[in-house]
Amino acid sequence: MTVEFVVDFGRRAMELILILSLPMLLVGLAIGLLVSIFQATTQIQEMTLQFIPKIVCITLVLVIAGPWLLDKLMDYTLQILESFPQWIRTTEGLATPGLAPAAL
């Protein structure tokens, strides 16, 4: 494996993590902002008022976007598993002679 391969692999994994977490983070941010504005205007300073709407809305987003998130994650996993034999073939020359698996 080359340095470029490892960096590209890590970059793609980080992009996927950001894409998968973005819907929940945006909803949490928007609901938190709305609740903060509501608390500031009504002068209600209840600490638990922040968490209940966030938890409910993030759960709803997770239920609604769950199939899409799972599909993206499965596509990425299948892509890795399908590419694995190709990665092994390209790095066979770099393997240590004593560590190669025995031929069947």
C-alpha atoms as a PDB file:
ATOM      1  CA  MET A   1       0.000   0.000   0.000  1.00  0.00           C
ATOM      2  CA  THR A   2       1.242   3.431  -0.839  1.00  0.00           C
ATOM      3  CA  VAL A   3       0.882   6.587   1.169  1.00  0.00           C
ATOM      4  CA  GLU A   4      -1.490   8.002  -1.450  1.00  0.00           C
ATOM      5  CA  PHE A   5      -3.742   4.952  -1.139  1.00  0.00           C
ATOM      6  CA  VAL A   6      -3.950   5.237   2.650  1.00  0.00           C
ATOM      7  CA  VAL A   7      -4.591   8.993   2.532  1.00  0.00           C
ATOM      8  CA  ASP A   8      -7.310   8.554  -0.120  1.00  0.00           C
ATOM      9  CA  PHE A   9      -8.893   5.709   1.839  1.00  0.00           C
ATOM     10  CA  GLY A  10      -8.961   7.816   5.011  1.00  0.00           C
ATOM     11  CA  ARG A  11     -10.298  10.857   3.142  1.00  0.00           C
ATOM     12  CA  ARG A  12     -13.169   8.867   1.656  1.00  0.00           C
ATOM     13  CA  ALA A  13     -14.010   7.378   5.065  1.00  0.00           C
ATOM     14  CA  MET A  14     -14.059  10.849   6.649  1.00  0.00           C
ATOM     15  CA  GLU A  15     -16.272  12.182   3.847  1.00  0.00           C
ATOM     16  CA  LEU A  16     -18.718   9.337   4.421  1.00  0.00           C
ATOM     17  CA  ILE A  17     -18.764  10.012   8.166  1.00  0.00           C
ATOM     18  CA  LEU A  18     -19.516  13.687   7.534  1.00  0.00           C
ATOM     19  CA  ILE A  19     -22.257  12.888   5.016  1.00  0.00           C
ATOM     20  CA  LEU A  20     -23.899  10.366   7.345  1.00  0.00           C
ATOM     21  CA  SER A  21     -23.806  12.613  10.406  1.00  0.00           C
ATOM     22  CA  LEU A  22     -24.814  15.843   8.645  1.00  0.00           C
ATOM     23  CA  PRO A  23     -28.635  15.395   8.759  1.00  0.00           C
ATOM     24  CA  MET A  24     -28.705  14.799  12.519  1.00  0.00           C
ATOM     25  CA  LEU A  25     -26.215  17.571  13.249  1.00  0.00           C
ATOM     26  CA  LEU A  26     -28.110  20.141  11.172  1.00  0.00           C
ATOM     27  CA  VAL A  27     -31.433  19.272  12.799  1.00  0.00           C
ATOM     28  CA  GLY A  28     -29.858  19.410  16.252  1.00  0.00           C
ATOM     29  CA  LEU A  29     -28.338  22.790  15.463  1.00  0.00           C
ATOM     30  CA  ALA A  30     -31.595  24.224  14.084  1.00  0.00           C
ATOM     31  CA  ILE A  31     -33.739  22.935  16.957  1.00  0.00           C
ATOM     32  CA  GLY A  32     -31.201  24.135  19.524  1.00  0.00           C
ATOM     33  CA  LEU A  33     -31.211  27.587  17.969  1.00  0.00           C
ATOM     34  CA  LEU A  34     -35.018  27.754  17.902  1.00  0.00           C
ATOM     35  CA  VAL A  35     -35.312  26.607  21.509  1.00  0.00           C
ATOM     36  CA  SER A  36     -32.649  29.113  22.589  1.00  0.00           C
ATOM     37  CA  ILE A  37     -34.525  31.942  20.874  1.00  0.00           C
ATOM     38  CA  PHE A  38     -37.760  30.754  22.509  1.00  0.00           C
ATOM     39  CA  GLN A  39     -36.069  30.643  25.927  1.00  0.00           C
ATOM     40  CA  ALA A  40     -34.570  34.099  25.480  1.00  0.00           C
ATOM     41  CA  THR A  41     -37.883  35.674  24.467  1.00  0.00           C
ATOM     42  CA  THR A  42     -39.957  34.014  27.187  1.00  0.00           C
ATOM     43  CA  GLN A  43     -37.215  34.105  29.835  1.00  0.00           C
ATOM     44  CA  ILE A  44     -37.772  30.446  30.634  1.00  0.00           C
ATOM     45  CA  GLN A  45     -34.390  29.105  31.733  1.00  0.00           C
ATOM     46  CA  GLU A  46     -35.176  25.429  32.107  1.00  0.00           C
ATOM     47  CA  MET A  47     -32.127  23.296  31.235  1.00  0.00           C
ATOM     48  CA  THR A  48     -34.091  20.230  30.179  1.00  0.00           C
ATOM     49  CA  LEU A  49     -36.079  22.254  27.657  1.00  0.00           C
ATOM     50  CA  GLN A  50     -33.033  22.155  25.340  1.00  0.00           C
ATOM     51  CA  PHE A  51     -32.673  18.374  25.272  1.00  0.00           C
ATOM     52  CA  ILE A  52     -36.169  16.973  24.854  1.00  0.00           C
ATOM     53  CA  PRO A  53     -36.964  18.666  21.491  1.00  0.00           C
ATOM     54  CA  LYS A  54     -33.471  17.846  20.193  1.00  0.00           C
ATOM     55  CA  ILE A  55     -33.760  14.177  21.111  1.00  0.00           C
ATOM     56  CA  VAL A  56     -37.228  13.875  19.573  1.00  0.00           C
ATOM     57  CA  CYS A  57     -36.301  15.654  16.326  1.00  0.00           C
ATOM     58  CA  ILE A  58     -32.986  13.853  15.889  1.00  0.00           C
ATOM     59  CA  THR A  59     -34.749  10.528  16.448  1.00  0.00           C
ATOM     60  CA  LEU A  60     -37.353  11.438  13.806  1.00  0.00           C
ATOM     61  CA  VAL A  61     -34.609  12.395  11.336  1.00  0.00           C
ATOM     62  CA  LEU A  62     -32.812   9.133  12.057  1.00  0.00           C
ATOM     63  CA  VAL A  63     -35.998   7.152  11.441  1.00  0.00           C
ATOM     64  CA  ILE A  64     -36.789   9.052   8.237  1.00  0.00           C
ATOM     65  CA  ALA A  65     -33.240   9.139   6.828  1.00  0.00           C
ATOM     66  CA  GLY A  66     -32.231   5.742   8.232  1.00  0.00           C
ATOM     67  CA  PRO A  67     -32.735   3.747   5.022  1.00  0.00           C
ATOM     68  CA  TRP A  68     -30.705   6.273   3.025  1.00  0.00           C
ATOM     69  CA  LEU A  69     -27.945   6.303   5.634  1.00  0.00           C
ATOM     70  CA  LEU A  70     -27.847   2.519   5.735  1.00  0.00           C
ATOM     71  CA  ASP A  71     -27.787   2.337   1.928  1.00  0.00           C
ATOM     72  CA  LYS A  72     -24.793   4.718   1.770  1.00  0.00           C
ATOM     73  CA  LEU A  73     -22.965   2.742   4.450  1.00  0.00           C
ATOM     74  CA  MET A  74     -23.661  -0.585   2.763  1.00  0.00           C
ATOM     75  CA  ASP A  75     -22.509   0.736  -0.626  1.00  0.00           C
ATOM     76  CA  TYR A  76     -19.239   1.909   0.913  1.00  0.00           C
ATOM     77  CA  THR A  77     -18.731  -1.401   2.722  1.00  0.00           C
ATOM     78  CA  LEU A  78     -19.459  -3.434  -0.405  1.00  0.00           C
ATOM     79  CA  GLN A  79     -17.075  -1.250  -2.394  1.00  0.00           C
ATOM     80  CA  ILE A  80     -14.332  -1.942   0.148  1.00  0.00           C
ATOM     81  CA  LEU A  81     -15.019  -5.686   0.225  1.00  0.00           C
ATOM     82  CA  GLU A  82     -15.119  -5.924  -3.581  1.00  0.00           C
ATOM     83  CA  SER A  83     -11.880  -3.960  -3.921  1.00  0.00           C
ATOM     84  CA  PHE A  84     -10.040  -5.964  -1.274  1.00  0.00           C
ATOM     85  CA  PRO A  85      -8.775  -8.738  -3.638  1.00  0.00           C
ATOM     86  CA  GLN A  86      -7.472  -6.101  -6.055  1.00  0.00           C
ATOM     87  CA  TRP A  87      -5.595  -4.365  -3.223  1.00  0.00           C
ATOM     88  CA  ILE A  88      -4.024  -7.682  -2.220  1.00  0.00           C
ATOM     89  CA  ARG A  89      -2.920  -8.436  -5.790  1.00  0.00           C
ATOM     90  CA  THR A  90      -1.326  -5.030  -6.206  1.00  0.00           C
ATOM     91  CA  THR A  91       0.599  -5.343  -2.943  1.00  0.00           C
ATOM     92  CA  GLU A  92       1.713  -8.977  -3.319  1.00  0.00           C
ATOM     93  CA  GLY A  93       5.190  -7.878  -4.259  1.00  0.00           C
ATOM     94  CA  LEU A  94       5.477  -5.976  -0.973  1.00  0.00           C
ATOM     95  CA  ALA A  95       4.516  -8.924   1.252  1.00  0.00           C
ATOM     96  CA  THR A  96       7.087 -10.475   3.550  1.00  0.00           C
ATOM     97  CA  PRO A  97       8.035 -13.940   2.143  1.00  0.00           C
ATOM     98  CA  GLY A  98       7.439 -15.836   5.400  1.00  0.00           C
ATOM     99  CA  LEU A  99       3.998 -14.317   6.008  1.00  0.00           C
ATOM    100  CA  ALA A 100       2.291 -15.307   2.756  1.00  0.00           C
ATOM    101  CA  PRO A 101      -0.571 -17.832   3.183  1.00  0.00           C
ATOM    102  CA  ALA A 102       0.089 -21.385   2.039  1.00  0.00           C
ATOM    103  CA  ALA A 103      -1.278 -22.405  -1.365  1.00  0.00           C
ATOM    104  CA  LEU A 104      -4.248 -24.761  -1.270  1.00  0.00           C
END
